[in-house]
Amino acid sequence: MSILAISGVVVSTAAMIIVLSGFSGLKNYSLEFISNVSADLKISSVKGKTFVYTQEMKKFFLEKKISVAKSIEDKALISINDNSQVILLKGFDGGFPKKNVDSLLYEGSWVGDSEVVIGWGLAYDLGISLMDGLNPITFYSPKPGRGQVFSEKDILRSRKALASGIFSLNEDLNSSLIFSDFSFAKSLFGIGENMVSSIEIYNTGIGEKDVEEIKMFFGSDYNVKNKVEQNGSLYKMLRTEQAAIFMIFSLVVIVALFNMFGALIMMVLEKRKNLKTMMILGLTKKGVGRIFLYQGWLISFAGCLIGLVLGTILLVLQKKLSLFLITPSLAYPISIELLNYVVVFTTVVSLGFIASFLVSFYVKKSIPQISQ
C-alpha cells in the first residue's frame, strides 16, 4: 500500500519538474530571440512619435561613456509581386551592435543603402527573393497635409529597396517587422534632421544607478523602458502560462496525495488491534496521531526527493541526447533552474504535510471507537 502511495508522489513530482523545466526552456528560447532586437533601455517621447536628439543628450551619453543607437520606426505599406501588407519598419544607425546583427541574420547580409532585412515569414508569404534587382520592394508611407488629391504621390511617399537578408525571431515579428538603415527610414517617413523615434542602449553592463540618472536627465516627457517594459504583454502572457501550468500540475500532485491519504486511512483500519494494544500500554491519542503524521510526511518527502532525482536524470538525458525534437534539427529546449526545484519541493512537501495532518486528525478522532 505504501509502495503504491509513494509511487504516485514520485511520478507526479517527476512530471511537475519536467514540465516546468520544459516551459522554462521554451520561455528562455523565445526571450533569447526577443532580446536580440529589444534594447536594454529604450528612450522615447511621451508626446509624439519623434523627438529631437539634441547636443545636450549627445553630450550626456558621451560623459557617461554609454553607446547609443538612434532609431526611426513606424508603420508602412509594402508592395511586391501584386501583394501588399502593412509592416513595421525599423531603421537603425551605425550604433546597432554587430553581435545583435549576427544573432538576427538567418541568411544574407545586413542592410546597406536602399536595402532592408526582412523576416522569413514575409519572404515566404510575399515571395521576396534576396537582392532581386528586377523586382524590388516598394514602400509607402502617408504624407501629412491638406488640399486636393490628384495622384497617389500627393498622399503617399514611396521608396524602393532590395532585400539583402532574412532574419528569424518569432512567428509574429517574422511576418510584421522589417529592418532598414537610418537614412532610408528617415527619407520614407519624411523625418527632419536630428529627429529620432527612440534612443536605444544595448549595454548589458548598465547599472541601476545609470538608469536612474538617465530617467532624471530626460524627465517626465520621455519614457525610459527596460526589456521587460518594452515587451510587457509577452512577459505577462508567459507568466500567466507558467502559473496555469503550475496550478494544473499541483492538481496532479493533489490527486497523487489522495492516493497516499487513502493508503494511510486503510492502514489505520488494518491496525485497529495494534492501536488498541498501544493505547493500553499508555500511548496517548496525540502520540498515535503523530505516528501517522510522520509516516505521511515521510512518504511525501521521500517520494518528492526520488521524483526530483528521476526528473533530473530525464532532463539531463534530454539536454545531452535530444530525445524529443520540435523539428528534425531542433531539440526541445530544457532549462534546469534552481527556482523550479524549490517550487516543486515546497509544493509537494507542503501538500503532503496537509494530507498527513488530515489523516492524523482523523486518527485522533477515531481512537475512542478503536479502543472499545
Protein backbone atom coordinates (compact mmCIF):
# COMPACT_ATOMS: atom_id res chain seq x y z
CA MET A 1 0.00 0.00 0.00
CA SER A 2 2.83 2.42 0.95
CA ILE A 3 4.73 1.48 -2.22
CA LEU A 4 1.70 2.45 -4.33
CA ALA A 5 1.33 5.73 -2.43
CA ILE A 6 4.99 6.70 -2.77
CA SER A 7 4.96 5.73 -6.46
CA GLY A 8 2.17 8.25 -7.11
CA VAL A 9 4.17 11.00 -5.39
CA VAL A 10 7.34 10.07 -7.34
CA VAL A 11 5.61 10.13 -10.74
CA SER A 12 3.70 13.39 -10.09
CA THR A 13 6.84 15.12 -8.78
CA ALA A 14 8.95 13.98 -11.74
CA ALA A 15 6.22 15.11 -14.16
CA MET A 16 5.96 18.50 -12.47
CA ILE A 17 9.70 19.28 -12.56
CA ILE A 18 10.00 18.05 -16.18
CA VAL A 19 7.09 20.20 -17.41
CA LEU A 20 8.22 23.31 -15.50
CA SER A 21 11.78 22.89 -16.81
CA GLY A 22 10.46 22.39 -20.33
CA PHE A 23 8.36 25.53 -20.10
CA SER A 24 11.34 27.48 -18.71
CA GLY A 25 13.37 26.26 -21.68
CA LEU A 26 10.72 27.41 -24.16
CA LYS A 27 10.41 30.75 -22.36
CA ASN A 28 14.16 31.36 -22.42
CA TYR A 29 14.31 30.24 -26.05
CA SER A 30 11.62 32.77 -27.02
CA LEU A 31 13.10 35.60 -24.94
CA GLU A 32 16.57 34.94 -26.35
CA PHE A 33 15.37 36.00 -29.80
CA ILE A 34 13.41 38.96 -28.43
CA SER A 35 16.50 40.17 -26.56
CA ASN A 36 18.39 40.44 -29.85
CA VAL A 37 16.05 43.18 -31.07
CA SER A 38 14.95 44.70 -27.74
CA ALA A 39 17.33 47.24 -26.24
CA ASP A 40 18.39 47.09 -22.60
CA LEU A 41 16.95 50.61 -22.37
CA LYS A 42 14.70 52.37 -24.86
CA ILE A 43 14.03 56.12 -24.60
CA SER A 44 11.05 57.54 -26.49
CA SER A 45 8.88 60.62 -26.33
CA VAL A 46 5.63 60.69 -24.37
CA LYS A 47 4.08 63.37 -26.58
CA GLY A 48 4.67 62.08 -30.11
CA LYS A 49 6.30 59.57 -32.42
CA THR A 50 9.53 61.52 -32.78
CA PHE A 51 11.70 63.97 -30.86
CA VAL A 52 14.88 65.98 -31.41
CA TYR A 53 18.17 64.30 -30.47
CA THR A 54 19.85 67.35 -29.03
CA GLN A 55 23.50 68.14 -28.42
CA GLU A 56 22.81 68.05 -24.68
CA MET A 57 21.60 64.46 -24.97
CA LYS A 58 24.64 63.52 -27.05
CA LYS A 59 26.98 65.15 -24.53
CA PHE A 60 25.26 63.39 -21.62
CA PHE A 61 25.82 59.94 -23.13
CA LEU A 62 29.43 60.79 -24.07
CA GLU A 63 30.18 61.83 -20.49
CA LYS A 64 28.61 58.61 -19.19
CA LYS A 65 30.53 56.61 -21.83
CA ILE A 66 27.29 54.95 -22.92
CA SER A 67 26.95 53.88 -26.56
CA VAL A 68 23.54 54.54 -28.08
CA ALA A 69 21.74 53.60 -31.29
CA LYS A 70 19.34 56.05 -32.92
CA SER A 71 16.23 54.50 -34.39
CA ILE A 72 13.25 55.52 -36.51
CA GLU A 73 10.24 53.23 -36.55
CA ASP A 74 6.72 53.50 -37.91
CA LYS A 75 4.19 51.54 -39.90
CA ALA A 76 4.43 51.42 -43.68
CA LEU A 77 2.80 49.62 -46.59
CA ILE A 78 4.93 47.36 -48.77
CA SER A 79 4.04 46.10 -52.22
CA ILE A 80 5.67 43.35 -54.28
CA ASN A 81 4.50 40.64 -56.69
CA ASP A 82 1.00 42.17 -56.75
CA ASN A 83 0.78 41.62 -52.98
CA SER A 84 0.74 44.23 -50.26
CA GLN A 85 0.97 44.23 -46.48
CA VAL A 86 1.26 46.71 -43.62
CA ILE A 87 4.51 46.25 -41.71
CA LEU A 88 6.58 47.94 -39.01
CA LEU A 89 9.77 49.44 -40.45
CA LYS A 90 12.62 49.99 -38.02
CA GLY A 91 15.68 51.92 -39.19
CA PHE A 92 18.94 51.88 -37.19
CA ASP A 93 22.06 53.96 -37.45
CA GLY A 94 25.57 52.55 -37.01
CA GLY A 95 25.09 52.26 -33.23
CA PHE A 96 23.19 48.98 -33.54
CA PRO A 97 25.67 46.37 -32.19
CA LYS A 98 27.21 43.86 -34.58
CA LYS A 99 26.66 40.92 -32.20
CA ASN A 100 22.91 41.56 -32.40
CA VAL A 101 23.14 41.70 -36.19
CA ASP A 102 24.91 38.32 -36.27
CA SER A 103 22.27 36.82 -33.96
CA LEU A 104 19.40 38.17 -36.06
CA LEU A 105 20.52 37.16 -39.53
CA TYR A 106 19.29 33.84 -40.85
CA GLU A 107 20.54 34.37 -44.41
CA GLY A 108 22.18 37.14 -46.43
CA SER A 109 23.79 40.32 -45.10
CA TRP A 110 22.84 43.36 -43.02
CA VAL A 111 21.27 46.47 -44.52
CA GLY A 112 23.10 48.86 -46.80
CA ASP A 113 21.95 51.84 -48.88
CA SER A 114 18.35 51.17 -50.07
CA GLU A 115 18.49 47.67 -48.60
CA VAL A 116 16.32 46.00 -45.98
CA VAL A 117 16.34 42.84 -43.89
CA ILE A 118 13.00 41.02 -43.73
CA GLY A 119 11.57 38.15 -41.70
CA TRP A 120 11.34 34.74 -43.29
CA GLY A 121 7.56 34.83 -42.80
CA LEU A 122 7.27 37.89 -45.06
CA ALA A 123 9.74 36.43 -47.54
CA TYR A 124 7.65 33.27 -47.81
CA ASP A 125 4.21 34.93 -47.86
CA LEU A 126 5.09 37.62 -50.42
CA GLY A 127 7.62 35.65 -52.48
CA ILE A 128 10.54 38.00 -51.80
CA SER A 129 13.97 36.97 -53.08
CA LEU A 130 17.30 38.30 -51.86
CA MET A 131 18.90 41.06 -53.97
CA ASP A 132 16.27 40.75 -56.71
CA GLY A 133 17.03 43.91 -58.70
CA LEU A 134 14.29 43.16 -61.25
CA ASN A 135 11.58 43.00 -58.60
CA PRO A 136 12.33 45.45 -55.75
CA ILE A 137 10.08 46.04 -52.73
CA THR A 138 8.10 49.30 -52.82
CA PHE A 139 7.48 51.05 -49.51
CA TYR A 140 4.68 53.57 -48.97
CA SER A 141 4.00 55.95 -46.08
CA PRO A 142 1.28 58.64 -45.82
CA LYS A 143 2.09 62.30 -46.28
CA PRO A 144 0.54 64.80 -43.87
CA GLY A 145 -1.18 67.80 -45.46
CA ARG A 146 -4.35 69.33 -46.85
CA GLY A 147 -5.79 70.17 -50.23
CA GLN A 148 -6.93 68.32 -53.30
CA VAL A 149 -5.51 64.94 -54.21
CA PHE A 150 -4.73 64.29 -57.87
CA SER A 151 -2.49 61.21 -57.59
CA GLU A 152 -1.03 58.82 -55.07
CA LYS A 153 2.10 61.00 -54.94
CA ASP A 154 0.05 63.72 -53.25
CA ILE A 155 -0.76 61.48 -50.27
CA LEU A 156 1.99 58.86 -50.22
CA ARG A 157 5.77 58.84 -50.12
CA SER A 158 7.31 55.85 -51.84
CA ARG A 159 10.77 54.31 -51.82
CA LYS A 160 12.16 51.14 -53.37
CA ALA A 161 14.57 48.75 -51.69
CA LEU A 162 16.13 45.33 -52.12
CA ALA A 163 16.04 42.58 -49.53
CA SER A 164 19.67 41.99 -48.53
CA GLY A 165 18.99 39.49 -45.74
CA ILE A 166 16.42 37.41 -43.87
CA PHE A 167 16.06 37.25 -40.07
CA SER A 168 14.28 34.80 -37.80
CA LEU A 169 12.92 35.91 -34.41
CA ASN A 170 9.42 34.58 -33.75
CA GLU A 171 6.27 33.95 -35.75
CA ASP A 172 4.80 37.40 -35.13
CA LEU A 173 7.90 39.51 -35.84
CA ASN A 174 8.94 37.34 -38.79
CA SER A 175 5.73 38.38 -40.55
CA SER A 176 5.46 42.03 -39.50
CA LEU A 177 8.91 43.61 -38.95
CA ILE A 178 11.48 44.93 -41.46
CA PHE A 179 14.89 46.47 -40.67
CA SER A 180 16.47 49.24 -42.73
CA ASP A 181 19.27 51.74 -42.37
CA PHE A 182 18.58 55.06 -40.68
CA SER A 183 18.66 57.24 -43.79
CA PHE A 184 16.17 55.05 -45.69
CA ALA A 185 13.62 55.19 -42.85
CA LYS A 186 14.14 58.94 -42.42
CA SER A 187 13.54 59.52 -46.12
CA LEU A 188 10.46 57.27 -46.26
CA PHE A 189 8.75 58.86 -43.28
CA GLY A 190 9.89 62.42 -44.03
CA ILE A 191 11.69 62.80 -40.69
CA GLY A 192 13.60 66.05 -40.20
CA GLU A 193 17.25 66.49 -39.31
CA ASN A 194 18.25 65.25 -35.81
CA MET A 195 14.79 63.73 -35.32
CA VAL A 196 14.52 60.18 -33.97
CA SER A 197 11.78 57.84 -32.83
CA SER A 198 13.85 56.44 -29.99
CA ILE A 199 17.31 56.25 -28.47
CA GLU A 200 18.28 52.68 -27.66
CA ILE A 201 21.01 51.45 -25.35
CA TYR A 202 22.44 47.96 -25.92
CA ASN A 203 24.67 47.61 -22.89
CA THR A 204 24.11 44.71 -20.51
CA GLY A 205 26.58 46.25 -18.05
CA ILE A 206 24.45 49.32 -17.38
CA GLY A 207 23.61 49.60 -13.66
CA GLU A 208 20.58 50.74 -11.71
CA LYS A 209 22.36 53.99 -10.82
CA ASP A 210 22.90 54.76 -14.52
CA VAL A 211 19.25 54.01 -15.26
CA GLU A 212 18.09 56.40 -12.53
CA GLU A 213 20.41 59.14 -13.80
CA ILE A 214 19.09 58.67 -17.34
CA LYS A 215 15.50 58.91 -16.10
CA MET A 216 16.31 62.08 -14.13
CA PHE A 217 18.05 63.65 -17.14
CA PHE A 218 15.19 63.03 -19.58
CA GLY A 219 12.39 63.75 -17.11
CA SER A 220 8.68 63.05 -17.36
CA ASP A 221 8.42 63.98 -21.06
CA TYR A 222 10.19 60.77 -22.03
CA ASN A 223 9.59 57.06 -21.48
CA VAL A 224 12.63 55.07 -20.35
CA LYS A 225 11.79 51.36 -20.62
CA ASN A 226 13.81 48.21 -19.98
CA LYS A 227 13.33 44.92 -21.87
CA VAL A 228 10.50 43.74 -19.64
CA GLU A 229 8.59 47.01 -20.00
CA GLN A 230 9.10 47.06 -23.78
CA ASN A 231 7.64 43.55 -24.09
CA GLY A 232 5.12 43.79 -21.27
CA SER A 233 2.38 41.80 -23.00
CA LEU A 234 4.76 38.96 -23.87
CA TYR A 235 6.13 38.69 -20.34
CA LYS A 236 2.61 38.86 -18.90
CA MET A 237 1.48 36.06 -21.22
CA LEU A 238 4.45 33.89 -20.25
CA ARG A 239 3.86 34.46 -16.54
CA THR A 240 0.18 33.59 -16.95
CA GLU A 241 1.02 30.38 -18.83
CA GLN A 242 3.58 29.41 -16.21
CA ALA A 243 1.06 29.99 -13.41
CA ALA A 244 -1.54 27.91 -15.27
CA ILE A 245 0.92 25.04 -15.77
CA PHE A 246 1.87 25.17 -12.10
CA MET A 247 -1.78 25.02 -11.00
CA ILE A 248 -2.55 22.10 -13.33
CA PHE A 249 0.36 20.00 -12.06
CA SER A 250 -0.36 20.99 -8.47
CA LEU A 251 -3.74 19.31 -9.02
CA VAL A 252 -1.90 16.23 -10.31
CA VAL A 253 0.16 16.18 -7.11
CA ILE A 254 -3.01 16.57 -5.04
CA VAL A 255 -4.56 13.57 -6.80
CA ALA A 256 -1.42 11.54 -6.05
CA LEU A 257 -1.57 12.62 -2.41
CA PHE A 258 -5.21 11.50 -2.22
CA ASN A 259 -3.79 8.08 -3.03
CA MET A 260 -1.44 8.45 -0.06
CA PHE A 261 -4.34 9.70 2.08
CA GLY A 262 -6.38 6.60 1.20
CA ALA A 263 -3.40 4.31 1.89
CA LEU A 264 -2.94 5.79 5.37
CA ILE A 265 -6.65 5.50 6.16
CA MET A 266 -6.58 1.83 5.10
CA MET A 267 -3.56 1.33 7.33
CA VAL A 268 -5.49 2.84 10.27
CA LEU A 269 -8.34 0.39 9.69
CA GLU A 270 -5.95 -2.56 9.38
CA LYS A 271 -4.06 -1.66 12.58
CA ARG A 272 -7.08 -1.27 14.89
CA LYS A 273 -5.93 -4.07 17.21
CA ASN A 274 -2.36 -2.80 17.30
CA LEU A 275 -3.56 0.70 18.13
CA LYS A 276 -5.72 -0.73 20.93
CA THR A 277 -2.71 -2.53 22.39
CA MET A 278 -0.58 0.61 22.17
CA MET A 279 -3.29 2.65 23.90
CA ILE A 280 -3.42 0.07 26.74
CA LEU A 281 0.37 0.36 27.09
CA GLY A 282 -0.01 4.12 27.62
CA LEU A 283 0.29 5.75 24.19
CA THR A 284 -1.79 8.93 24.03
CA LYS A 285 -4.17 9.94 21.25
CA LYS A 286 -1.79 12.72 20.30
CA GLY A 287 1.06 10.21 20.01
CA VAL A 288 -0.97 7.91 17.76
CA GLY A 289 -1.88 10.82 15.52
CA ARG A 290 1.77 11.88 15.37
CA ILE A 291 2.78 8.41 14.10
CA PHE A 292 0.57 8.71 11.03
CA LEU A 293 1.53 12.38 10.57
CA TYR A 294 5.20 11.45 10.40
CA GLN A 295 4.54 8.45 8.16
CA GLY A 296 2.56 10.52 5.65
CA TRP A 297 5.14 13.28 5.70
CA LEU A 298 7.93 10.73 5.21
CA ILE A 299 6.12 9.26 2.19
CA SER A 300 5.68 12.70 0.59
CA PHE A 301 9.25 13.79 1.44
CA ALA A 302 10.90 10.60 0.14
CA GLY A 303 8.64 10.49 -2.92
CA CYS A 304 9.45 14.11 -3.70
CA LEU A 305 13.23 13.54 -3.49
CA ILE A 306 13.09 10.39 -5.62
CA GLY A 307 10.84 12.16 -8.15
CA LEU A 308 13.21 15.12 -8.40
CA VAL A 309 16.19 12.81 -8.94
CA LEU A 310 14.31 10.82 -11.58
CA GLY A 311 13.11 14.01 -13.29
CA THR A 312 16.63 15.46 -13.28
CA ILE A 313 18.03 12.31 -14.92
CA LEU A 314 15.44 12.59 -17.71
CA LEU A 315 16.16 16.31 -18.14
CA VAL A 316 19.91 15.71 -18.40
CA LEU A 317 19.29 12.95 -20.96
CA GLN A 318 17.16 15.37 -22.99
CA LYS A 319 19.91 18.01 -22.92
CA LYS A 320 22.66 15.54 -23.81
CA LEU A 321 20.89 13.18 -26.23
CA SER A 322 17.99 15.32 -27.58
CA LEU A 323 15.42 12.58 -27.03
CA PHE A 324 12.48 14.79 -28.06
CA LEU A 325 12.62 17.12 -31.08
CA ILE A 326 10.47 20.09 -32.10
CA THR A 327 11.81 19.92 -35.65
CA PRO A 328 14.26 17.45 -37.20
CA SER A 329 17.10 19.83 -36.33
CA LEU A 330 15.83 21.45 -33.11
CA ALA A 331 15.69 19.63 -29.78
CA TYR A 332 13.00 20.56 -27.27
CA PRO A 333 14.68 23.24 -25.11
CA ILE A 334 15.19 22.46 -21.42
CA SER A 335 16.25 24.87 -18.69
CA ILE A 336 17.31 23.35 -15.34
CA GLU A 337 16.69 26.15 -12.82
CA LEU A 338 17.01 26.07 -9.04
CA LEU A 339 13.78 28.06 -8.63
CA ASN A 340 11.75 25.28 -10.28
CA TYR A 341 13.20 22.72 -7.85
CA VAL A 342 12.41 24.93 -4.87
CA VAL A 343 8.83 25.45 -6.11
CA VAL A 344 8.23 21.73 -6.75
CA PHE A 345 9.80 20.62 -3.46
CA THR A 346 7.89 23.20 -1.42
CA THR A 347 4.60 22.39 -3.17
CA VAL A 348 4.82 18.60 -2.81
CA VAL A 349 6.07 18.60 0.77
CA SER A 350 3.54 21.23 1.89
CA LEU A 351 0.61 19.42 0.28
CA GLY A 352 1.90 16.15 1.70
CA PHE A 353 2.00 17.65 5.18
CA ILE A 354 -1.59 18.87 4.81
CA ALA A 355 -2.74 15.39 3.72
CA SER A 356 -0.83 13.78 6.58
CA PHE A 357 -2.29 16.24 9.08
CA LEU A 358 -5.82 15.37 7.93
CA VAL A 359 -5.09 11.66 8.42
CA SER A 360 -3.63 12.40 11.86
CA PHE A 361 -6.73 14.39 12.78
CA TYR A 362 -8.97 11.54 11.61
CA VAL A 363 -6.99 9.00 13.67
CA LYS A 364 -7.24 11.06 16.87
CA LYS A 365 -10.97 11.45 16.43
CA SER A 366 -11.47 7.73 15.75
CA ILE A 367 -9.32 6.41 18.63
CA PRO A 368 -12.21 6.12 21.17
CA GLN A 369 -14.03 3.76 18.78
CA ILE A 370 -10.87 1.69 18.20
CA SER A 371 -10.13 1.36 21.92
CA GLN A 372 -13.54 -0.04 22.80
